[in-house]
Amino acid sequence: MIAEKTQYNTRHGGAYDRGSADSYYSRGYNPHYYVAGTGTSSCVEKKDMTAEEIAAYTAGFNDNEMFGDKKDWN
């Protein structure tokens, strides 16, 4: 049996996007997302996120960690 993979909204600034970006830039795990565009709208912090939003952030972070795509700072 193949496990069904959850589809997450990958819009810029969303929870999945922020998780993958935090991993890419080697920032720590810190669930959050932006209401609209990153840095141009209100930021929603973990304490105000739903379980589904935290799951999306975590999936984005973990997916990028597994893929191994990291910013080369050199």
N, C-alpha and C. Protein backbone atom coordinates (compact mmCIF):
# COMPACT_ATOMS: atom_id res chain seq x y z
N MET A 1 0.85 -1.20 0.00
CA MET A 1 0.00 0.00 0.00
C MET A 1 0.88 1.25 0.00
N ILE A 2 0.56 2.17 -0.87
CA ILE A 2 1.31 3.42 -0.96
C ILE A 2 0.60 4.48 -0.13
N ALA A 3 1.38 5.15 0.74
CA ALA A 3 0.81 6.22 1.57
C ALA A 3 0.43 7.40 0.69
N GLU A 4 -0.70 7.97 0.98
CA GLU A 4 -1.16 9.14 0.23
C GLU A 4 -0.44 10.37 0.76
N LYS A 5 0.17 11.17 -0.13
CA LYS A 5 0.88 12.37 0.27
C LYS A 5 -0.09 13.54 0.30
N THR A 6 -0.05 14.28 1.38
CA THR A 6 -0.90 15.45 1.54
C THR A 6 -0.42 16.55 0.59
N GLN A 7 -1.34 17.21 -0.05
CA GLN A 7 -1.03 18.33 -0.91
C GLN A 7 -1.18 19.62 -0.11
N TYR A 8 -0.13 20.43 -0.09
CA TYR A 8 -0.16 21.68 0.66
C TYR A 8 -0.18 22.86 -0.31
N ASN A 9 -0.79 23.94 0.13
CA ASN A 9 -0.76 25.18 -0.63
C ASN A 9 0.66 25.71 -0.57
N THR A 10 1.29 25.88 -1.71
CA THR A 10 2.69 26.30 -1.76
C THR A 10 2.87 27.78 -2.11
N ARG A 11 1.84 28.56 -1.91
CA ARG A 11 1.92 29.99 -2.28
C ARG A 11 3.05 30.68 -1.51
N HIS A 12 3.63 31.69 -2.17
CA HIS A 12 4.70 32.46 -1.55
C HIS A 12 4.19 33.12 -0.27
N GLY A 13 4.89 32.89 0.81
CA GLY A 13 4.51 33.47 2.10
C GLY A 13 3.69 32.54 2.96
N GLY A 14 3.15 31.47 2.36
CA GLY A 14 2.33 30.51 3.10
C GLY A 14 3.18 29.64 4.02
N ALA A 15 2.53 28.86 4.83
CA ALA A 15 3.22 28.04 5.83
C ALA A 15 4.20 27.05 5.20
N TYR A 16 3.78 26.33 4.17
CA TYR A 16 4.68 25.37 3.51
C TYR A 16 5.90 26.09 2.94
N ASP A 17 5.66 27.19 2.26
CA ASP A 17 6.73 27.99 1.66
C ASP A 17 7.71 28.49 2.71
N ARG A 18 7.21 28.99 3.82
CA ARG A 18 8.09 29.50 4.88
C ARG A 18 8.91 28.38 5.50
N GLY A 19 8.31 27.20 5.67
CA GLY A 19 9.07 26.08 6.20
C GLY A 19 10.20 25.68 5.28
N SER A 20 9.90 25.60 3.99
CA SER A 20 10.96 25.22 3.04
C SER A 20 12.03 26.30 2.97
N ALA A 21 11.65 27.56 3.05
CA ALA A 21 12.62 28.65 3.01
C ALA A 21 13.51 28.64 4.25
N ASP A 22 12.92 28.41 5.41
CA ASP A 22 13.73 28.35 6.64
C ASP A 22 14.76 27.24 6.55
N SER A 23 14.37 26.09 6.02
CA SER A 23 15.32 25.00 5.83
C SER A 23 16.38 25.38 4.81
N TYR A 24 15.97 25.93 3.68
CA TYR A 24 16.90 26.31 2.61
C TYR A 24 17.98 27.25 3.11
N TYR A 25 17.58 28.24 3.91
CA TYR A 25 18.53 29.23 4.42
C TYR A 25 19.18 28.80 5.73
N SER A 26 18.99 27.53 6.11
CA SER A 26 19.56 26.95 7.33
C SER A 26 19.15 27.71 8.58
N ARG A 27 17.93 28.23 8.55
CA ARG A 27 17.37 28.83 9.76
C ARG A 27 16.73 27.71 10.56
N GLY A 28 16.55 27.93 11.81
CA GLY A 28 15.94 26.91 12.65
C GLY A 28 14.45 26.73 12.37
N TYR A 29 13.92 25.66 12.92
CA TYR A 29 12.50 25.35 12.82
C TYR A 29 11.73 26.38 13.65
N ASN A 30 10.90 27.17 12.99
CA ASN A 30 10.17 28.26 13.65
C ASN A 30 8.86 28.50 12.89
N PRO A 31 7.83 27.68 13.16
CA PRO A 31 6.58 27.80 12.40
C PRO A 31 6.01 29.22 12.39
N HIS A 32 5.71 29.68 11.19
CA HIS A 32 5.09 30.99 10.96
C HIS A 32 4.68 31.04 9.49
N TYR A 33 3.92 32.04 9.13
CA TYR A 33 3.60 32.31 7.72
C TYR A 33 3.12 33.74 7.61
N TYR A 34 2.99 34.20 6.37
CA TYR A 34 2.52 35.56 6.12
C TYR A 34 1.12 35.49 5.51
N VAL A 35 0.29 36.44 5.90
CA VAL A 35 -1.09 36.49 5.42
C VAL A 35 -1.12 36.63 3.89
N ALA A 36 -0.22 37.42 3.37
CA ALA A 36 -0.10 37.58 1.91
C ALA A 36 1.37 37.34 1.57
N GLY A 37 2.03 38.30 0.94
CA GLY A 37 3.41 38.12 0.55
C GLY A 37 4.38 38.17 1.73
N THR A 38 5.49 37.46 1.58
CA THR A 38 6.53 37.44 2.61
C THR A 38 7.09 38.83 2.82
N GLY A 39 7.06 39.27 4.06
CA GLY A 39 7.62 40.57 4.41
C GLY A 39 6.78 41.77 4.02
N THR A 40 5.69 41.53 3.29
CA THR A 40 4.84 42.65 2.86
C THR A 40 3.46 42.60 3.49
N SER A 41 3.28 41.64 4.40
CA SER A 41 1.99 41.50 5.08
C SER A 41 2.22 41.03 6.51
N SER A 42 1.17 40.89 7.24
CA SER A 42 1.28 40.46 8.64
C SER A 42 1.80 39.04 8.74
N CYS A 43 2.65 38.83 9.74
CA CYS A 43 3.20 37.50 10.01
C CYS A 43 2.37 36.83 11.10
N VAL A 44 2.01 35.58 10.87
CA VAL A 44 1.27 34.79 11.86
C VAL A 44 2.27 33.86 12.53
N GLU A 45 2.41 33.97 13.84
CA GLU A 45 3.36 33.16 14.59
C GLU A 45 2.72 31.85 15.04
N LYS A 46 3.57 30.92 15.47
CA LYS A 46 3.12 29.58 15.86
C LYS A 46 1.96 29.62 16.84
N LYS A 47 2.00 30.50 17.82
CA LYS A 47 0.96 30.54 18.85
C LYS A 47 -0.42 30.84 18.28
N ASP A 48 -0.45 31.43 17.08
CA ASP A 48 -1.71 31.78 16.44
C ASP A 48 -2.05 30.90 15.24
N MET A 49 -1.24 29.86 15.01
CA MET A 49 -1.46 28.97 13.86
C MET A 49 -2.34 27.79 14.24
N THR A 50 -3.06 27.28 13.26
CA THR A 50 -3.85 26.07 13.46
C THR A 50 -2.92 24.85 13.35
N ALA A 51 -3.42 23.71 13.78
CA ALA A 51 -2.65 22.47 13.66
C ALA A 51 -2.33 22.19 12.19
N GLU A 52 -3.25 22.48 11.29
CA GLU A 52 -3.05 22.25 9.87
C GLU A 52 -1.96 23.16 9.31
N GLU A 53 -1.93 24.41 9.76
CA GLU A 53 -0.90 25.35 9.30
C GLU A 53 0.48 24.93 9.80
N ILE A 54 0.55 24.48 11.04
CA ILE A 54 1.82 24.00 11.59
C ILE A 54 2.27 22.76 10.83
N ALA A 55 1.34 21.88 10.50
CA ALA A 55 1.68 20.69 9.72
C ALA A 55 2.22 21.07 8.35
N ALA A 56 1.65 22.09 7.71
CA ALA A 56 2.13 22.54 6.40
C ALA A 56 3.54 23.12 6.51
N TYR A 57 3.78 23.94 7.53
CA TYR A 57 5.12 24.49 7.75
C TYR A 57 6.12 23.35 7.96
N THR A 58 5.76 22.41 8.82
CA THR A 58 6.64 21.28 9.14
C THR A 58 6.93 20.46 7.88
N ALA A 59 5.92 20.23 7.06
CA ALA A 59 6.11 19.47 5.83
C ALA A 59 7.07 20.21 4.90
N GLY A 60 6.92 21.51 4.76
CA GLY A 60 7.83 22.28 3.91
C GLY A 60 9.26 22.21 4.42
N PHE A 61 9.41 22.34 5.72
CA PHE A 61 10.74 22.27 6.33
C PHE A 61 11.34 20.89 6.11
N ASN A 62 10.59 19.85 6.45
CA ASN A 62 11.10 18.48 6.33
C ASN A 62 11.34 18.06 4.89
N ASP A 63 10.47 18.47 3.97
CA ASP A 63 10.66 18.14 2.56
C ASP A 63 11.98 18.72 2.06
N ASN A 64 12.27 19.97 2.41
CA ASN A 64 13.52 20.57 1.96
C ASN A 64 14.72 19.92 2.65
N GLU A 65 14.58 19.55 3.91
CA GLU A 65 15.67 18.86 4.60
C GLU A 65 15.98 17.53 3.91
N MET A 66 14.95 16.80 3.52
CA MET A 66 15.16 15.52 2.84
C MET A 66 15.78 15.72 1.45
N PHE A 67 15.36 16.78 0.76
CA PHE A 67 15.87 17.08 -0.57
C PHE A 67 17.32 17.57 -0.50
N GLY A 68 17.65 18.26 0.60
CA GLY A 68 19.02 18.71 0.81
C GLY A 68 19.38 19.98 0.07
N ASP A 69 18.40 20.75 -0.36
CA ASP A 69 18.66 22.00 -1.07
C ASP A 69 18.95 23.09 -0.06
N LYS A 70 20.21 23.53 -0.01
CA LYS A 70 20.62 24.55 0.95
C LYS A 70 21.32 25.70 0.24
N LYS A 71 21.14 26.89 0.74
CA LYS A 71 21.80 28.08 0.22
C LYS A 71 23.30 27.95 0.42
N ASP A 72 24.06 28.18 -0.64
CA ASP A 72 25.53 28.19 -0.57
C ASP A 72 25.94 29.63 -0.28
N TRP A 73 26.41 29.89 0.90
CA TRP A 73 26.75 31.24 1.32
C TRP A 73 28.15 31.67 0.86
N ASN A 74 28.87 30.82 0.15
CA ASN A 74 30.23 31.16 -0.32
C ASN A 74 30.22 31.80 -1.68
